[in-house]
């Protein structure tokens, strides 16, 4: 494989990884597409995956807050435990 350009300089540490073939294939395609090294492509994929994970975590936390808010609204309108009683009625 032709040596591509390197990723921008980062503060980094060196590690050794065993990479699944499916990820390595993806990294090789990305490297060719962008004209970067396979390792730089792996780092880019890892950064994109980490960012997606952070977004997922933030969305889950926000959804949880919305559920708590909704339960509070229903409790205020229909009395404490309304949603739980409704759920029990549906299961019966």
PDB file of N, CA and C in Angstrom:
ATOM      1  N   UNK A   1       0.843  -1.186   0.000  1.00  0.00           N
ATOM      2  CA  UNK A   1       0.000   0.000   0.000  1.00  0.00           C
ATOM      3  C   UNK A   1       0.881   1.239   0.000  1.00  0.00           C
ATOM      4  N   UNK A   2       0.520   2.205  -0.761  1.00  0.00           N
ATOM      5  CA  UNK A   2       1.277   3.445  -0.863  1.00  0.00           C
ATOM      6  C   UNK A   2       1.186   4.232   0.441  1.00  0.00           C
ATOM      7  N   UNK A   3       2.300   4.824   0.837  1.00  0.00           N
ATOM      8  CA  UNK A   3       2.313   5.617   2.069  1.00  0.00           C
ATOM      9  C   UNK A   3       1.503   6.884   1.847  1.00  0.00           C
ATOM     10  N   UNK A   4       0.531   7.093   2.687  1.00  0.00           N
ATOM     11  CA  UNK A   4      -0.298   8.286   2.588  1.00  0.00           C
ATOM     12  C   UNK A   4       0.219   9.368   3.510  1.00  0.00           C
ATOM     13  N   UNK A   5      -0.456  10.489   3.456  1.00  0.00           N
ATOM     14  CA  UNK A   5      -0.067  11.568   4.355  1.00  0.00           C
ATOM     15  C   UNK A   5      -0.500  11.206   5.772  1.00  0.00           C
ATOM     16  N   UNK A   6       0.178  11.750   6.717  1.00  0.00           N
ATOM     17  CA  UNK A   6      -0.112  11.445   8.117  1.00  0.00           C
ATOM     18  C   UNK A   6      -1.225  12.336   8.631  1.00  0.00           C
ATOM     19  N   UNK A   7      -1.842  11.873   9.695  1.00  0.00           N
ATOM     20  CA  UNK A   7      -2.888  12.653  10.360  1.00  0.00           C
ATOM     21  C   UNK A   7      -2.244  13.867  11.015  1.00  0.00           C
ATOM     22  N   UNK A   8      -3.033  14.889  11.315  1.00  0.00           N
ATOM     23  CA  UNK A   8      -2.489  16.061  12.013  1.00  0.00           C
ATOM     24  C   UNK A   8      -1.847  15.636  13.328  1.00  0.00           C
ATOM     25  N   UNK A   9      -0.808  16.360  13.727  1.00  0.00           N
ATOM     26  CA  UNK A   9      -0.131  16.043  14.986  1.00  0.00           C
ATOM     27  C   UNK A   9      -1.099  16.163  16.153  1.00  0.00           C
ATOM     28  N   UNK A  10      -1.030  15.215  17.050  1.00  0.00           N
ATOM     29  CA  UNK A  10      -1.876  15.196  18.238  1.00  0.00           C
ATOM     30  C   UNK A  10      -0.997  14.847  19.424  1.00  0.00           C
ATOM     31  N   UNK A  11      -1.483  15.156  20.589  1.00  0.00           N
ATOM     32  CA  UNK A  11      -0.868  14.612  21.784  1.00  0.00           C
ATOM     33  C   UNK A  11      -1.345  13.176  21.827  1.00  0.00           C
ATOM     34  N   UNK A  12      -0.429  12.237  21.865  1.00  0.00           N
ATOM     35  CA  UNK A  12      -0.846  10.843  21.752  1.00  0.00           C
ATOM     36  C   UNK A  12       0.114   9.927  22.474  1.00  0.00           C
ATOM     37  N   UNK A  13      -0.332   8.702  22.648  1.00  0.00           N
ATOM     38  CA  UNK A  13       0.535   7.664  23.196  1.00  0.00           C
ATOM     39  C   UNK A  13       0.515   6.488  22.233  1.00  0.00           C
ATOM     40  N   UNK A  14       1.545   5.712  22.278  1.00  0.00           N
ATOM     41  CA  UNK A  14       1.683   4.577  21.369  1.00  0.00           C
ATOM     42  C   UNK A  14       1.165   3.333  22.059  1.00  0.00           C
ATOM     43  N   UNK A  15       0.294   2.582  21.349  1.00  0.00           N
ATOM     44  CA  UNK A  15      -0.214   1.326  21.878  1.00  0.00           C
ATOM     45  C   UNK A  15      -0.227   0.287  20.767  1.00  0.00           C
ATOM     46  N   UNK A  16      -0.336  -0.964  21.160  1.00  0.00           N
ATOM     47  CA  UNK A  16      -0.461  -2.056  20.207  1.00  0.00           C
ATOM     48  C   UNK A  16      -1.861  -2.627  20.335  1.00  0.00           C
ATOM     49  N   UNK A  17      -2.549  -2.776  19.216  1.00  0.00           N
ATOM     50  CA  UNK A  17      -3.921  -3.281  19.205  1.00  0.00           C
ATOM     51  C   UNK A  17      -4.038  -4.474  18.273  1.00  0.00           C
ATOM     52  N   UNK A  18      -4.948  -5.353  18.601  1.00  0.00           N
ATOM     53  CA  UNK A  18      -5.376  -6.381  17.667  1.00  0.00           C
ATOM     54  C   UNK A  18      -6.688  -5.882  17.096  1.00  0.00           C
ATOM     55  N   UNK A  19      -6.726  -5.662  15.793  1.00  0.00           N
ATOM     56  CA  UNK A  19      -7.875  -5.038  15.142  1.00  0.00           C
ATOM     57  C   UNK A  19      -8.648  -6.101  14.363  1.00  0.00           C
ATOM     58  N   UNK A  20      -9.970  -6.169  14.550  1.00  0.00           N
ATOM     59  CA  UNK A  20     -10.772  -7.119  13.776  1.00  0.00           C
ATOM     60  C   UNK A  20     -10.635  -6.848  12.277  1.00  0.00           C
ATOM     61  N   UNK A  21     -10.709  -7.907  11.474  1.00  0.00           N
ATOM     62  CA  UNK A  21     -10.548  -7.763  10.023  1.00  0.00           C
ATOM     63  C   UNK A  21     -11.556  -6.791   9.429  1.00  0.00           C
ATOM     64  N   UNK A  22     -12.799  -6.821   9.918  1.00  0.00           N
ATOM     65  CA  UNK A  22     -13.818  -5.929   9.362  1.00  0.00           C
ATOM     66  C   UNK A  22     -13.438  -4.461   9.570  1.00  0.00           C
ATOM     67  N   UNK A  23     -12.886  -4.139  10.732  1.00  0.00           N
ATOM     68  CA  UNK A  23     -12.467  -2.763  10.999  1.00  0.00           C
ATOM     69  C   UNK A  23     -11.229  -2.410  10.181  1.00  0.00           C
ATOM     70  N   UNK A  24     -10.333  -3.349  10.051  1.00  0.00           N
ATOM     71  CA  UNK A  24      -9.123  -3.109   9.263  1.00  0.00           C
ATOM     72  C   UNK A  24      -9.484  -2.854   7.801  1.00  0.00           C
ATOM     73  N   UNK A  25     -10.438  -3.618   7.271  1.00  0.00           N
ATOM     74  CA  UNK A  25     -10.880  -3.403   5.889  1.00  0.00           C
ATOM     75  C   UNK A  25     -11.477  -2.007   5.725  1.00  0.00           C
ATOM     76  N   UNK A  26     -12.285  -1.595   6.691  1.00  0.00           N
ATOM     77  CA  UNK A  26     -12.878  -0.262   6.651  1.00  0.00           C
ATOM     78  C   UNK A  26     -11.791   0.801   6.716  1.00  0.00           C
ATOM     79  N   UNK A  27     -10.823   0.612   7.595  1.00  0.00           N
ATOM     80  CA  UNK A  27      -9.724   1.576   7.731  1.00  0.00           C
ATOM     81  C   UNK A  27      -8.908   1.664   6.447  1.00  0.00           C
ATOM     82  N   UNK A  28      -8.675   0.529   5.816  1.00  0.00           N
ATOM     83  CA  UNK A  28      -7.904   0.542   4.568  1.00  0.00           C
ATOM     84  C   UNK A  28      -8.647   1.290   3.462  1.00  0.00           C
ATOM     85  N   UNK A  29      -9.973   1.079   3.374  1.00  0.00           N
ATOM     86  CA  UNK A  29     -10.763   1.808   2.371  1.00  0.00           C
ATOM     87  C   UNK A  29     -10.742   3.309   2.657  1.00  0.00           C
ATOM     88  N   UNK A  30     -10.916   3.667   3.928  1.00  0.00           N
ATOM     89  CA  UNK A  30     -10.900   5.081   4.306  1.00  0.00           C
ATOM     90  C   UNK A  30      -9.535   5.699   4.022  1.00  0.00           C
ATOM     91  N   UNK A  31      -8.490   4.968   4.327  1.00  0.00           N
ATOM     92  CA  UNK A  31      -7.132   5.472   4.083  1.00  0.00           C
ATOM     93  C   UNK A  31      -6.910   5.763   2.601  1.00  0.00           C
ATOM     94  N   UNK A  32      -7.346   4.843   1.760  1.00  0.00           N
ATOM     95  CA  UNK A  32      -7.200   5.058   0.312  1.00  0.00           C
ATOM     96  C   UNK A  32      -8.040   6.249  -0.143  1.00  0.00           C
ATOM     97  N   UNK A  33      -9.261   6.310   0.354  1.00  0.00           N
ATOM     98  CA  UNK A  33     -10.181   7.376  -0.026  1.00  0.00           C
ATOM     99  C   UNK A  33      -9.635   8.752   0.339  1.00  0.00           C
ATOM    100  N   UNK A  34      -9.032   8.862   1.529  1.00  0.00           N
ATOM    101  CA  UNK A  34      -8.552  10.160   2.021  1.00  0.00           C
ATOM    102  C   UNK A  34      -7.067  10.400   1.754  1.00  0.00           C
ATOM    103  N   UNK A  35      -6.388   9.369   1.285  1.00  0.00           N
ATOM    104  CA  UNK A  35      -4.955   9.522   1.041  1.00  0.00           C
ATOM    105  C   UNK A  35      -4.153   9.653   2.321  1.00  0.00           C
ATOM    106  N   UNK A  36      -4.551   8.913   3.352  1.00  0.00           N
ATOM    107  CA  UNK A  36      -3.845   8.933   4.635  1.00  0.00           C
ATOM    108  C   UNK A  36      -3.380   7.520   4.949  1.00  0.00           C
ATOM    109  N   UNK A  37      -2.591   7.377   5.990  1.00  0.00           N
ATOM    110  CA  UNK A  37      -2.113   6.053   6.370  1.00  0.00           C
ATOM    111  C   UNK A  37      -3.245   5.248   7.007  1.00  0.00           C
ATOM    112  N   UNK A  38      -3.065   3.934   7.018  1.00  0.00           N
ATOM    113  CA  UNK A  38      -4.059   3.062   7.640  1.00  0.00           C
ATOM    114  C   UNK A  38      -4.198   3.380   9.119  1.00  0.00           C
ATOM    115  N   UNK A  39      -3.090   3.642   9.786  1.00  0.00           N
ATOM    116  CA  UNK A  39      -3.151   3.985  11.216  1.00  0.00           C
ATOM    117  C   UNK A  39      -3.904   5.299  11.439  1.00  0.00           C
ATOM    118  N   UNK A  40      -3.677   6.271  10.588  1.00  0.00           N
ATOM    119  CA  UNK A  40      -4.396   7.539  10.705  1.00  0.00           C
ATOM    120  C   UNK A  40      -5.891   7.307  10.492  1.00  0.00           C
ATOM    121  N   UNK A  41      -6.225   6.419   9.564  1.00  0.00           N
ATOM    122  CA  UNK A  41      -7.637   6.096   9.329  1.00  0.00           C
ATOM    123  C   UNK A  41      -8.237   5.407  10.554  1.00  0.00           C
ATOM    124  N   UNK A  42      -7.489   4.507  11.187  1.00  0.00           N
ATOM    125  CA  UNK A  42      -7.971   3.849  12.404  1.00  0.00           C
ATOM    126  C   UNK A  42      -8.222   4.872  13.512  1.00  0.00           C
ATOM    127  N   UNK A  43      -7.324   5.827  13.647  1.00  0.00           N
ATOM    128  CA  UNK A  43      -7.492   6.874  14.660  1.00  0.00           C
ATOM    129  C   UNK A  43      -8.731   7.703  14.340  1.00  0.00           C
ATOM    130  N   UNK A  44      -8.927   8.047  13.073  1.00  0.00           N
ATOM    131  CA  UNK A  44     -10.102   8.834  12.690  1.00  0.00           C
ATOM    132  C   UNK A  44     -11.382   8.056  12.989  1.00  0.00           C
ATOM    133  N   UNK A  45     -11.407   6.763  12.661  1.00  0.00           N
ATOM    134  CA  UNK A  45     -12.585   5.945  12.956  1.00  0.00           C
ATOM    135  C   UNK A  45     -12.836   5.876  14.465  1.00  0.00           C
ATOM    136  N   UNK A  46     -11.764   5.746  15.238  1.00  0.00           N
ATOM    137  CA  UNK A  46     -11.908   5.691  16.693  1.00  0.00           C
ATOM    138  C   UNK A  46     -12.463   7.009  17.234  1.00  0.00           C
ATOM    139  N   UNK A  47     -11.970   8.125  16.709  1.00  0.00           N
ATOM    140  CA  UNK A  47     -12.462   9.433  17.153  1.00  0.00           C
ATOM    141  C   UNK A  47     -13.930   9.614  16.797  1.00  0.00           C
ATOM    142  N   UNK A  48     -14.323   9.187  15.590  1.00  0.00           N
ATOM    143  CA  UNK A  48     -15.722   9.291  15.184  1.00  0.00           C
ATOM    144  C   UNK A  48     -16.601   8.386  16.056  1.00  0.00           C
ATOM    145  N   UNK A  49     -16.114   7.197  16.362  1.00  0.00           N
ATOM    146  CA  UNK A  49     -16.858   6.280  17.219  1.00  0.00           C
ATOM    147  C   UNK A  49     -17.005   6.823  18.635  1.00  0.00           C
ATOM    148  N   UNK A  50     -15.946   7.421  19.152  1.00  0.00           N
ATOM    149  CA  UNK A  50     -16.004   8.007  20.499  1.00  0.00           C
ATOM    150  C   UNK A  50     -16.983   9.168  20.537  1.00  0.00           C
ATOM    151  N   UNK A  51     -16.977   9.992  19.494  1.00  0.00           N
ATOM    152  CA  UNK A  51     -17.910  11.121  19.439  1.00  0.00           C
ATOM    153  C   UNK A  51     -19.358  10.613  19.365  1.00  0.00           C
ATOM    154  N   UNK A  52     -19.587   9.566  18.586  1.00  0.00           N
ATOM    155  CA  UNK A  52     -20.937   8.991  18.490  1.00  0.00           C
ATOM    156  C   UNK A  52     -21.367   8.421  19.837  1.00  0.00           C
ATOM    157  N   UNK A  53     -20.440   7.787  20.538  1.00  0.00           N
ATOM    158  CA  UNK A  53     -20.747   7.238  21.861  1.00  0.00           C
ATOM    159  C   UNK A  53     -21.122   8.351  22.837  1.00  0.00           C
ATOM    160  N   UNK A  54     -20.381   9.449  22.817  1.00  0.00           N
ATOM    161  CA  UNK A  54     -20.682  10.584  23.689  1.00  0.00           C
ATOM    162  C   UNK A  54     -22.059  11.162  23.378  1.00  0.00           C
ATOM    163  N   UNK A  55     -22.380  11.298  22.074  1.00  0.00           N
ATOM    164  CA  UNK A  55     -23.709  11.805  21.698  1.00  0.00           C
ATOM    165  C   UNK A  55     -24.794  10.867  22.201  1.00  0.00           C
ATOM    166  N   UNK A  56     -24.593   9.564  22.057  1.00  0.00           N
ATOM    167  CA  UNK A  56     -25.565   8.571  22.519  1.00  0.00           C
ATOM    168  C   UNK A  56     -25.783   8.699  24.033  1.00  0.00           C
ATOM    169  N   UNK A  57     -24.693   8.853  24.773  1.00  0.00           N
ATOM    170  CA  UNK A  57     -24.778   9.004  26.230  1.00  0.00           C
ATOM    171  C   UNK A  57     -25.549  10.267  26.602  1.00  0.00           C
ATOM    172  N   UNK A  58     -25.273  11.372  25.910  1.00  0.00           N
ATOM    173  CA  UNK A  58     -25.974  12.623  26.187  1.00  0.00           C
ATOM    174  C   UNK A  58     -27.464  12.516  25.848  1.00  0.00           C
ATOM    175  N   UNK A  59     -27.781  11.858  24.741  1.00  0.00           N
ATOM    176  CA  UNK A  59     -29.180  11.695  24.342  1.00  0.00           C
ATOM    177  C   UNK A  59     -29.918  10.821  25.347  1.00  0.00           C
ATOM    178  N   UNK A  60     -29.278   9.744  25.810  1.00  0.00           N
ATOM    179  CA  UNK A  60     -29.901   8.858  26.792  1.00  0.00           C
ATOM    180  C   UNK A  60     -30.178   9.602  28.093  1.00  0.00           C
ATOM    181  N   UNK A  61     -29.237  10.440  28.516  1.00  0.00           N
ATOM    182  CA  UNK A  61     -29.428  11.215  29.750  1.00  0.00           C
ATOM    183  C   UNK A  61     -30.577  12.203  29.577  1.00  0.00           C
ATOM    184  N   UNK A  62     -30.635  12.868  28.438  1.00  0.00           N
ATOM    185  CA  UNK A  62     -31.705  13.816  28.169  1.00  0.00           C
ATOM    186  C   UNK A  62     -33.061  13.106  28.118  1.00  0.00           C
ATOM    187  N   UNK A  63     -33.108  11.942  27.486  1.00  0.00           N
ATOM    188  CA  UNK A  63     -34.360  11.174  27.422  1.00  0.00           C
ATOM    189  C   UNK A  63     -34.816  10.779  28.819  1.00  0.00           C
ATOM    190  N   UNK A  64     -33.875  10.395  29.659  1.00  0.00           N
ATOM    191  CA  UNK A  64     -34.209  10.019  31.032  1.00  0.00           C
ATOM    192  C   UNK A  64     -34.790  11.208  31.791  1.00  0.00           C
ATOM    193  N   UNK A  65     -34.200  12.383  31.597  1.00  0.00           N
ATOM    194  CA  UNK A  65     -34.724  13.593  32.237  1.00  0.00           C
ATOM    195  C   UNK A  65     -36.143  13.887  31.760  1.00  0.00           C
ATOM    196  N   UNK A  66     -36.400  13.680  30.477  1.00  0.00           N
ATOM    197  CA  UNK A  66     -37.732  13.932  29.930  1.00  0.00           C
ATOM    198  C   UNK A  66     -38.754  12.963  30.511  1.00  0.00           C
ATOM    199  N   UNK A  67     -38.355  11.712  30.712  1.00  0.00           N
ATOM    200  CA  UNK A  67     -39.263  10.734  31.312  1.00  0.00           C
ATOM    201  C   UNK A  67     -39.612  11.161  32.734  1.00  0.00           C
ATOM    202  N   UNK A  68     -38.607  11.572  33.496  1.00  0.00           N
ATOM    203  CA  UNK A  68     -38.849  12.018  34.872  1.00  0.00           C
ATOM    204  C   UNK A  68     -39.799  13.217  34.865  1.00  0.00           C
ATOM    205  N   UNK A  69     -39.593  14.143  33.957  1.00  0.00           N
ATOM    206  CA  UNK A  69     -40.460  15.316  33.846  1.00  0.00           C
ATOM    207  C   UNK A  69     -41.885  14.902  33.496  1.00  0.00           C
ATOM    208  N   UNK A  70     -42.028  14.006  32.528  1.00  0.00           N
ATOM    209  CA  UNK A  70     -43.359  13.551  32.113  1.00  0.00           C
ATOM    210  C   UNK A  70     -44.078  12.853  33.259  1.00  0.00           C
ATOM    211  N   UNK A  71     -43.368  12.015  34.003  1.00  0.00           N
ATOM    212  CA  UNK A  71     -43.981  11.326  35.143  1.00  0.00           C
ATOM    213  C   UNK A  71     -44.449  12.358  36.170  1.00  0.00           C
ATOM    214  N   UNK A  72     -43.645  13.371  36.400  1.00  0.00           N
ATOM    215  CA  UNK A  72     -44.028  14.430  37.342  1.00  0.00           C
ATOM    216  C   UNK A  72     -45.283  15.156  36.889  1.00  0.00           C
ATOM    217  N   UNK A  73     -45.378  15.409  35.596  1.00  0.00           N
ATOM    218  CA  UNK A  73     -46.564  16.090  35.060  1.00  0.00           C
ATOM    219  C   UNK A  73     -47.798  15.210  35.245  1.00  0.00           C
ATOM    220  N   UNK A  74     -47.679  13.924  34.873  1.00  0.00           N
ATOM    221  CA  UNK A  74     -48.815  13.011  35.028  1.00  0.00           C
ATOM    222  C   UNK A  74     -49.200  12.853  36.494  1.00  0.00           C
ATOM    223  N   UNK A  75     -48.197  12.752  37.359  1.00  0.00           N
ATOM    224  CA  UNK A  75     -48.501  12.645  38.797  1.00  0.00           C
ATOM    225  C   UNK A  75     -49.241  13.881  39.285  1.00  0.00           C
ATOM    226  N   UNK A  76     -48.830  15.057  38.798  1.00  0.00           N
ATOM    227  CA  UNK A  76     -49.489  16.295  39.200  1.00  0.00           C
ATOM    228  C   UNK A  76     -50.915  16.390  38.684  1.00  0.00           C
ATOM    229  N   UNK A  77     -51.151  15.874  37.490  1.00  0.00           N
ATOM    230  CA  UNK A  77     -52.481  15.965  36.879  1.00  0.00           C
ATOM    231  C   UNK A  77     -53.427  14.875  37.377  1.00  0.00           C
ATOM    232  N   UNK A  78     -52.904  13.654  37.558  1.00  0.00           N
ATOM    233  CA  UNK A  78     -53.775  12.511  37.818  1.00  0.00           C
ATOM    234  C   UNK A  78     -53.511  11.821  39.155  1.00  0.00           C
ATOM    235  N   UNK A  79     -52.580  12.326  39.909  1.00  0.00           N
ATOM    236  CA  UNK A  79     -52.255  11.719  41.197  1.00  0.00           C
ATOM    237  C   UNK A  79     -51.026  10.826  41.088  1.00  0.00           C
ATOM    238  N   UNK A  80     -50.326  10.715  42.191  1.00  0.00           N
ATOM    239  CA  UNK A  80     -49.097   9.937  42.231  1.00  0.00           C
ATOM    240  C   UNK A  80     -49.374   8.488  41.864  1.00  0.00           C
ATOM    241  N   UNK A  81     -48.542   7.933  40.996  1.00  0.00           N
ATOM    242  CA  UNK A  81     -48.660   6.531  40.612  1.00  0.00           C
ATOM    243  C   UNK A  81     -49.613   6.273  39.461  1.00  0.00           C
ATOM    244  N   UNK A  82     -50.094   7.334  38.801  1.00  0.00           N
ATOM    245  CA  UNK A  82     -51.059   7.158  37.713  1.00  0.00           C
ATOM    246  C   UNK A  82     -50.503   6.270  36.604  1.00  0.00           C
ATOM    247  N   UNK A  83     -49.301   6.553  36.160  1.00  0.00           N
ATOM    248  CA  UNK A  83     -48.723   5.769  35.065  1.00  0.00           C
ATOM    249  C   UNK A  83     -48.537   4.318  35.466  1.00  0.00           C
ATOM    250  N   UNK A  84     -48.161   4.075  36.705  1.00  0.00           N
ATOM    251  CA  UNK A  84     -47.986   2.699  37.184  1.00  0.00           C
ATOM    252  C   UNK A  84     -49.330   1.969  37.216  1.00  0.00           C
ATOM    253  N   UNK A  85     -50.379   2.658  37.682  1.00  0.00           N
ATOM    254  CA  UNK A  85     -51.721   2.035  37.687  1.00  0.00           C
ATOM    255  C   UNK A  85     -52.190   1.751  36.265  1.00  0.00           C
ATOM    256  N   UNK A  86     -51.927   2.686  35.355  1.00  0.00           N
ATOM    257  CA  UNK A  86     -52.309   2.519  33.961  1.00  0.00           C
ATOM    258  C   UNK A  86     -51.611   1.302  33.370  1.00  0.00           C
ATOM    259  N   UNK A  87     -50.330   1.150  33.664  1.00  0.00           N
ATOM    260  CA  UNK A  87     -49.558   0.010  33.164  1.00  0.00           C
ATOM    261  C   UNK A  87     -50.129  -1.302  33.708  1.00  0.00           C
ATOM    262  N   UNK A  88     -50.494  -1.335  34.969  1.00  0.00           N
ATOM    263  CA  UNK A  88     -51.062  -2.542  35.573  1.00  0.00           C
ATOM    264  C   UNK A  88     -52.400  -2.880  34.928  1.00  0.00           C
ATOM    265  N   UNK A  89     -53.210  -1.854  34.636  1.00  0.00           N
ATOM    266  CA  UNK A  89     -54.507  -2.078  33.991  1.00  0.00           C
ATOM    267  C   UNK A  89     -54.319  -2.671  32.596  1.00  0.00           C
ATOM    268  N   UNK A  90     -53.298  -2.219  31.858  1.00  0.00           N
ATOM    269  CA  UNK A  90     -53.043  -2.722  30.508  1.00  0.00           C
ATOM    270  C   UNK A  90     -52.596  -4.188  30.548  1.00  0.00           C
ATOM    271  N   UNK A  91     -51.859  -4.575  31.578  1.00  0.00           N
ATOM    272  CA  UNK A  91     -51.353  -5.940  31.665  1.00  0.00           C
ATOM    273  C   UNK A  91     -52.430  -6.910  32.113  1.00  0.00           C
ATOM    274  N   UNK A  92     -53.469  -6.417  32.751  1.00  0.00           N
ATOM    275  CA  UNK A  92     -54.527  -7.289  33.268  1.00  0.00           C
ATOM    276  C   UNK A  92     -55.424  -7.822  32.175  1.00  0.00           C
TER     277      UNK A  92
END
